[in-house]
Amino acid sequence: METLPSFNDNTTISMTTNSANSIDSPVTSSFLMVVIIIVLVLIADCTIIFLVIKERLWRDDNALLILNLMFSFLIYCLWHVSIYSSDHFHWQLGLPFLFGFQIMPHISVLVTLGCMSVDRVLALRKKTMVKIYSRSYAARRILLIWLFAISLAGVTSIAAYSVDGQGDAKAKIFFHVYIICHFASSVLTIFISVIAFVCIWKIHSRVVNMAITKGTINDPIWQKTNKVSSRLTVTVAALVFGQFTTWFAIYIYLFLNIHRHLLEIEQEPVFVFLLLTNFIVAPLMVFLGSAQFRRYFKRQFLCCLYPDLMTDSYIDESWRSSAKRTLSMEEG
């Protein structure tokens, strides 16, 4: 069997030998990181489940995001349990599962956010333009299906490993193809996130221009919503930059160290910092893509500022009545 790369202390981990004595220090240092990450992900998953029950998000596209996050937590736990409990650790086999079920939710969130931004721009311009919105909706579906197909590469990796004695070499090939595909997905995601940010910024600029034209720039309602919209724009920009800068850094770090053993990489402070940053920012991205965020965006940012937009076909009776109640409370 193939012998895995050695650590800095020249201790070699073999596929056929008992690794309990040879990886004590990596396991000890990595185990604390795993516990911290599992706790963070568990808190995020519990928060998402609470939002699902409270806001009935299972009717929305976010059901796919929630399912992916739950898979992410489960796969990550099983992956590390297999590392610490088995004498035969195959890093080519486990890593595709980790990235497959981690990157899908983040890309899905930003695609949803991008489609939401397109929807808001169309609502502000009072144009139906069904073709444009339907295309963006179809693009989101196609992208999600494509990402799910990439995630199945992990299953292919398992199949390749279990076929014959050449399983290790095949799994390594699939691993490299898998990482390259996800790197390409990250590039695509950053492109989508930039489009989403530009759309939100255009909304903000357009509303500012409308306020100046109508002479409502000093209105208290305008000042309040302007502050909200500014914070939303900055928040989206910061989260997008932080999330996918972290992903780029993780991929580059793995590319530079692809010849080394994963347990050796895991215990390094740089990798621990990048991974923790990713897990902390990810739940915030999920919130931005949730129905609760979209509902808040429509009610507080659009409806309260310009009630004449209530005639648009994109805004239904519930939002219209909510905006009227909010305006009457402000006037009272």
Protein backbone atom coordinates (compact mmCIF):
# COMPACT_ATOMS: atom_id res chain seq x y z
CA MET A 1 0.00 0.00 0.00
CA GLU A 2 1.01 3.59 -0.47
CA THR A 3 2.81 5.37 2.35
CA LEU A 4 1.46 8.82 3.20
CA PRO A 5 3.78 11.85 3.47
CA SER A 6 5.67 12.30 6.70
CA PHE A 7 5.35 15.02 9.30
CA ASN A 8 8.05 17.49 10.23
CA ASP A 9 9.23 15.20 13.03
CA ASN A 10 10.00 12.55 10.40
CA THR A 11 7.26 10.27 11.70
CA THR A 12 5.78 8.30 8.79
CA ILE A 13 2.13 7.33 8.69
CA SER A 14 1.53 4.14 6.79
CA MET A 15 -1.68 2.70 5.43
CA THR A 16 -0.87 -0.67 6.87
CA THR A 17 0.48 0.28 10.30
CA ASN A 18 -1.30 1.35 13.44
CA SER A 19 -1.43 5.15 13.39
CA ALA A 20 -2.56 5.58 17.00
CA ASN A 21 0.97 6.11 18.22
CA SER A 22 2.24 8.06 15.23
CA ILE A 23 -0.36 10.85 15.03
CA ASP A 24 -0.87 11.68 18.68
CA SER A 25 0.27 15.27 18.41
CA PRO A 26 -1.65 16.07 15.19
CA VAL A 27 -4.81 14.48 16.59
CA THR A 28 -4.49 16.41 19.84
CA SER A 29 -4.04 19.76 18.13
CA SER A 30 -6.60 19.09 15.41
CA PHE A 31 -9.22 17.71 17.78
CA LEU A 32 -9.61 21.06 19.58
CA MET A 33 -10.10 22.83 16.26
CA VAL A 34 -12.68 20.25 15.22
CA VAL A 35 -14.61 20.67 18.47
CA ILE A 36 -14.70 24.47 18.05
CA ILE A 37 -15.84 24.21 14.42
CA ILE A 38 -18.49 21.60 15.22
CA VAL A 39 -19.90 23.80 18.00
CA LEU A 40 -20.04 26.83 15.67
CA VAL A 41 -21.70 24.86 12.89
CA LEU A 42 -24.15 23.28 15.33
CA ILE A 43 -25.17 26.73 16.61
CA ALA A 44 -25.60 27.94 13.03
CA ASP A 45 -27.68 24.89 12.09
CA CYS A 46 -29.91 25.28 15.16
CA THR A 47 -30.45 28.95 14.29
CA ILE A 48 -31.40 28.00 10.74
CA ILE A 49 -33.81 25.32 11.96
CA PHE A 50 -35.42 27.91 14.25
CA LEU A 51 -35.87 30.30 11.31
CA VAL A 52 -37.31 27.48 9.22
CA ILE A 53 -39.95 26.73 11.84
CA LYS A 54 -40.71 30.37 12.65
CA GLU A 55 -40.73 31.79 9.12
CA ARG A 56 -41.92 28.66 7.28
CA LEU A 57 -38.94 28.79 4.96
CA TRP A 58 -39.51 25.28 3.67
CA ARG A 59 -41.76 26.84 1.01
CA ASP A 60 -38.83 28.88 -0.27
CA ASP A 61 -35.68 28.00 -2.20
CA ASN A 62 -33.84 28.09 1.12
CA ALA A 63 -34.89 24.50 1.79
CA LEU A 64 -32.01 23.47 -0.47
CA LEU A 65 -29.61 25.71 1.46
CA ILE A 66 -30.75 24.29 4.78
CA LEU A 67 -30.40 20.73 3.52
CA ASN A 68 -26.89 21.44 2.29
CA LEU A 69 -25.86 22.98 5.59
CA MET A 70 -27.15 19.98 7.51
CA PHE A 71 -25.24 17.68 5.17
CA SER A 72 -22.22 19.89 5.64
CA PHE A 73 -22.30 19.49 9.41
CA LEU A 74 -22.93 15.75 9.21
CA ILE A 75 -20.24 15.05 6.62
CA TYR A 76 -17.70 17.17 8.46
CA CYS A 77 -18.31 15.28 11.71
CA LEU A 78 -18.19 11.86 10.04
CA TRP A 79 -15.05 12.81 8.14
CA HIS A 80 -13.13 13.72 11.28
CA VAL A 81 -14.50 10.79 13.24
CA SER A 82 -13.13 8.52 10.54
CA ILE A 83 -9.75 10.24 10.85
CA TYR A 84 -9.46 9.70 14.58
CA SER A 85 -11.01 6.25 14.79
CA SER A 86 -9.50 4.51 11.79
CA ASP A 87 -6.01 3.22 11.13
CA HIS A 88 -6.52 3.82 7.40
CA PHE A 89 -7.03 7.48 6.59
CA HIS A 90 -7.30 8.40 2.92
CA TRP A 91 -7.19 12.16 2.55
CA GLN A 92 -8.08 11.93 -1.15
CA LEU A 93 -11.34 10.30 -0.13
CA GLY A 94 -12.52 12.61 2.63
CA LEU A 95 -11.69 16.09 1.41
CA PRO A 96 -14.03 16.14 -1.63
CA PHE A 97 -16.98 15.50 0.68
CA LEU A 98 -15.95 18.36 2.91
CA PHE A 99 -15.70 20.91 0.11
CA GLY A 100 -18.63 19.49 -1.85
CA PHE A 101 -21.13 20.02 0.93
CA GLN A 102 -19.57 23.26 2.15
CA ILE A 103 -19.33 25.36 -0.97
CA MET A 104 -22.82 24.60 -2.32
CA PRO A 105 -24.76 26.56 0.32
CA HIS A 106 -22.61 29.67 -0.08
CA ILE A 107 -22.94 29.74 -3.85
CA SER A 108 -26.68 29.08 -3.61
CA VAL A 109 -27.10 31.97 -1.19
CA LEU A 110 -25.36 34.43 -3.47
CA VAL A 111 -27.24 33.27 -6.54
CA THR A 112 -30.48 33.79 -4.61
CA LEU A 113 -29.23 37.19 -3.52
CA GLY A 114 -28.37 38.09 -7.11
CA CYS A 115 -31.83 37.09 -8.35
CA MET A 116 -33.38 39.07 -5.50
CA SER A 117 -31.40 42.14 -6.55
CA VAL A 118 -32.56 41.78 -10.14
CA ASP A 119 -36.11 41.51 -8.87
CA ARG A 120 -35.73 44.71 -6.83
CA VAL A 121 -34.30 46.65 -9.79
CA LEU A 122 -37.24 45.58 -11.93
CA ALA A 123 -39.68 46.58 -9.19
CA LEU A 124 -38.14 50.04 -8.91
CA ARG A 125 -38.38 50.59 -12.63
CA LYS A 126 -41.99 49.39 -12.68
CA LYS A 127 -41.37 47.03 -15.56
CA THR A 128 -42.38 43.41 -15.70
CA MET A 129 -39.56 42.25 -17.96
CA VAL A 130 -40.51 38.65 -17.32
CA LYS A 131 -37.86 37.34 -19.69
CA ILE A 132 -34.96 38.79 -17.71
CA TYR A 133 -36.22 37.53 -14.37
CA SER A 134 -37.15 34.13 -15.71
CA ARG A 135 -33.68 33.78 -17.17
CA SER A 136 -32.04 34.61 -13.86
CA TYR A 137 -34.35 32.13 -12.11
CA ALA A 138 -33.49 29.44 -14.63
CA ALA A 139 -29.79 30.23 -14.28
CA ARG A 140 -30.05 29.70 -10.54
CA ARG A 141 -31.67 26.31 -11.02
CA ILE A 142 -29.10 25.22 -13.58
CA LEU A 143 -26.25 26.34 -11.34
CA LEU A 144 -27.61 24.45 -8.35
CA ILE A 145 -28.02 21.28 -10.38
CA TRP A 146 -24.48 21.67 -11.70
CA LEU A 147 -23.08 22.13 -8.20
CA PHE A 148 -24.96 19.10 -6.95
CA ALA A 149 -23.47 17.07 -9.79
CA ILE A 150 -20.01 18.24 -8.77
CA SER A 151 -20.73 17.17 -5.20
CA LEU A 152 -21.43 13.66 -6.43
CA ALA A 153 -17.78 13.49 -7.41
CA GLY A 154 -17.17 12.54 -3.80
CA VAL A 155 -19.25 9.42 -4.31
CA THR A 156 -17.30 8.71 -7.48
CA SER A 157 -14.13 9.05 -5.44
CA ILE A 158 -15.36 6.37 -3.05
CA ALA A 159 -16.28 4.11 -5.95
CA ALA A 160 -12.86 4.61 -7.52
CA TYR A 161 -11.15 3.73 -4.25
CA SER A 162 -13.14 0.55 -3.72
CA VAL A 163 -12.83 -0.83 -7.26
CA ASP A 164 -9.39 -2.42 -7.16
CA GLY A 165 -5.87 -2.03 -5.97
CA GLN A 166 -5.44 1.13 -8.03
CA GLY A 167 -8.11 2.88 -5.99
CA ASP A 168 -5.69 5.26 -4.31
CA ALA A 169 -4.36 6.60 -7.59
CA LYS A 170 -7.86 6.99 -9.04
CA ALA A 171 -9.10 8.75 -5.93
CA LYS A 172 -6.20 11.17 -6.11
CA ILE A 173 -7.04 11.98 -9.73
CA PHE A 174 -10.68 12.60 -8.85
CA PHE A 175 -9.55 14.73 -5.93
CA HIS A 176 -7.50 17.05 -8.15
CA VAL A 177 -10.33 17.36 -10.68
CA TYR A 178 -12.74 18.03 -7.84
CA ILE A 179 -10.66 20.85 -6.33
CA ILE A 180 -10.21 22.45 -9.74
CA CYS A 181 -13.98 22.35 -10.35
CA HIS A 182 -14.66 23.99 -7.01
CA PHE A 183 -12.02 26.61 -7.64
CA ALA A 184 -13.84 27.44 -10.89
CA SER A 185 -17.08 27.55 -8.91
CA SER A 186 -15.53 30.08 -6.55
CA VAL A 187 -14.60 32.30 -9.47
CA LEU A 188 -18.15 32.07 -10.78
CA THR A 189 -19.54 32.81 -7.33
CA ILE A 190 -17.43 35.92 -6.91
CA PHE A 191 -18.65 37.11 -10.31
CA ILE A 192 -22.27 36.56 -9.22
CA SER A 193 -21.65 38.28 -5.88
CA VAL A 194 -20.21 41.32 -7.63
CA ILE A 195 -23.34 41.51 -9.81
CA ALA A 196 -25.52 41.26 -6.70
CA PHE A 197 -23.60 44.03 -4.98
CA VAL A 198 -23.78 46.27 -8.05
CA CYS A 199 -27.54 45.71 -8.26
CA ILE A 200 -28.04 46.64 -4.61
CA TRP A 201 -25.83 49.70 -5.03
CA LYS A 202 -27.85 50.77 -8.08
CA ILE A 203 -31.03 50.42 -6.05
CA HIS A 204 -29.58 52.64 -3.36
CA SER A 205 -28.38 55.26 -5.86
CA ARG A 206 -31.70 55.25 -7.70
CA VAL A 207 -33.68 55.76 -4.50
CA VAL A 208 -31.36 58.61 -3.52
CA ASN A 209 -31.96 60.29 -6.88
CA MET A 210 -35.72 59.82 -6.55
CA ALA A 211 -35.63 61.34 -3.08
CA ILE A 212 -33.71 64.38 -4.33
CA THR A 213 -36.11 64.79 -7.25
CA LYS A 214 -39.21 64.57 -5.03
CA GLY A 215 -37.71 66.82 -2.38
CA THR A 216 -37.95 64.22 0.38
CA ILE A 217 -34.24 64.15 1.15
CA ASN A 218 -34.86 65.74 4.59
CA ASP A 219 -37.89 63.63 5.38
CA PRO A 220 -37.50 61.53 8.59
CA ILE A 221 -38.76 58.40 6.84
CA TRP A 222 -36.25 58.91 4.07
CA GLN A 223 -33.37 59.43 6.49
CA LYS A 224 -34.28 56.27 8.37
CA THR A 225 -34.54 54.10 5.26
CA ASN A 226 -31.43 55.65 3.77
CA LYS A 227 -29.50 54.63 6.86
CA VAL A 228 -30.91 51.10 6.60
CA SER A 229 -30.07 50.80 2.92
CA SER A 230 -26.53 52.09 3.50
CA ARG A 231 -25.96 49.51 6.22
CA LEU A 232 -27.34 46.73 4.04
CA THR A 233 -25.07 47.70 1.17
CA VAL A 234 -21.99 47.81 3.37
CA THR A 235 -22.95 44.53 5.05
CA VAL A 236 -23.39 42.72 1.76
CA ALA A 237 -20.08 44.05 0.46
CA ALA A 238 -18.20 43.09 3.64
CA LEU A 239 -19.65 39.58 3.84
CA VAL A 240 -19.11 38.85 0.17
CA PHE A 241 -15.53 40.05 0.36
CA GLY A 242 -14.79 38.20 3.60
CA GLN A 243 -16.46 34.93 2.64
CA PHE A 244 -14.93 34.41 -0.74
CA THR A 245 -11.57 35.90 0.04
CA THR A 246 -11.43 33.20 2.70
CA TRP A 247 -12.41 30.52 0.18
CA PHE A 248 -9.75 31.70 -2.25
CA ALA A 249 -7.16 31.65 0.50
CA ILE A 250 -8.15 28.12 1.54
CA TYR A 251 -7.93 26.83 -2.02
CA ILE A 252 -4.59 28.51 -2.69
CA TYR A 253 -3.23 27.17 0.58
CA LEU A 254 -4.32 23.65 -0.31
CA PHE A 255 -2.89 23.96 -3.82
CA LEU A 256 0.46 25.04 -2.42
CA ASN A 257 0.45 22.18 0.08
CA ILE A 258 -1.29 19.50 -1.95
CA HIS A 259 1.66 17.13 -1.63
CA ARG A 260 1.52 17.18 2.17
CA HIS A 261 -0.59 15.15 4.56
CA LEU A 262 -3.88 16.83 5.50
CA LEU A 263 -3.45 16.25 9.23
CA GLU A 264 -0.22 18.19 9.06
CA ILE A 265 -1.91 21.07 7.25
CA GLU A 266 -4.88 21.09 9.62
CA GLN A 267 -2.85 21.90 12.70
CA GLU A 268 -1.22 24.97 11.21
CA PRO A 269 -2.51 28.31 12.59
CA VAL A 270 -3.07 29.83 9.13
CA PHE A 271 -5.36 27.04 8.01
CA VAL A 272 -7.21 27.01 11.36
CA PHE A 273 -7.81 30.77 11.10
CA LEU A 274 -9.10 30.52 7.52
CA LEU A 275 -11.42 27.64 8.34
CA LEU A 276 -12.86 29.31 11.44
CA THR A 277 -13.40 32.56 9.51
CA ASN A 278 -15.30 30.64 6.83
CA PHE A 279 -17.59 28.94 9.34
CA ILE A 280 -18.33 32.19 11.17
CA VAL A 281 -19.22 34.20 8.05
CA ALA A 282 -21.25 31.44 6.36
CA PRO A 283 -24.35 31.69 8.64
CA LEU A 284 -24.50 35.43 7.95
CA MET A 285 -24.54 34.72 4.22
CA VAL A 286 -27.41 32.28 4.76
CA PHE A 287 -29.36 34.99 6.58
CA LEU A 288 -28.83 37.40 3.69
CA GLY A 289 -30.27 34.83 1.31
CA SER A 290 -33.24 33.99 3.52
CA ALA A 291 -36.84 34.95 2.96
CA GLN A 292 -36.73 36.99 6.17
CA PHE A 293 -34.09 39.29 4.68
CA ARG A 294 -36.02 39.71 1.44
CA ARG A 295 -39.21 40.45 3.34
CA TYR A 296 -37.44 43.05 5.48
CA PHE A 297 -35.83 44.56 2.40
CA LYS A 298 -39.17 45.00 0.64
CA ARG A 299 -41.11 46.33 3.61
CA GLN A 300 -38.64 48.67 5.25
CA PHE A 301 -36.56 49.84 2.33
CA LEU A 302 -39.02 50.12 -0.56
CA CYS A 303 -42.57 50.21 0.73
CA CYS A 304 -42.15 52.68 3.57
CA LEU A 305 -40.25 55.13 1.42
CA TYR A 306 -42.32 55.07 -1.77
CA PRO A 307 -45.93 53.89 -1.27
CA ASP A 308 -46.61 54.56 -4.96
CA LEU A 309 -44.51 51.50 -5.73
CA MET A 310 -47.28 49.43 -4.15
CA THR A 311 -49.06 49.41 -7.49
CA ASP A 312 -46.29 47.31 -8.98
CA SER A 313 -47.12 43.71 -9.78
CA TYR A 314 -44.14 42.45 -7.79
CA ILE A 315 -45.58 43.60 -4.45
CA ASP A 316 -48.68 41.82 -3.20
CA GLU A 317 -51.48 42.88 -0.86
CA SER A 318 -49.72 41.86 2.35
CA TRP A 319 -46.74 44.09 1.69
CA ARG A 320 -49.03 46.93 0.57
CA SER A 321 -51.09 46.81 3.75
CA SER A 322 -47.95 46.50 5.87
CA ALA A 323 -46.48 49.60 4.26
CA LYS A 324 -49.68 51.59 4.79
CA ARG A 325 -49.74 50.58 8.47
CA THR A 326 -46.11 51.59 8.85
CA LEU A 327 -46.69 54.95 7.17
CA SER A 328 -49.76 55.67 9.32
CA MET A 329 -47.76 54.86 12.46
CA GLU A 330 -44.97 57.18 11.33
CA GLU A 331 -47.42 59.99 10.60
CA GLY A 332 -49.27 59.43 13.88
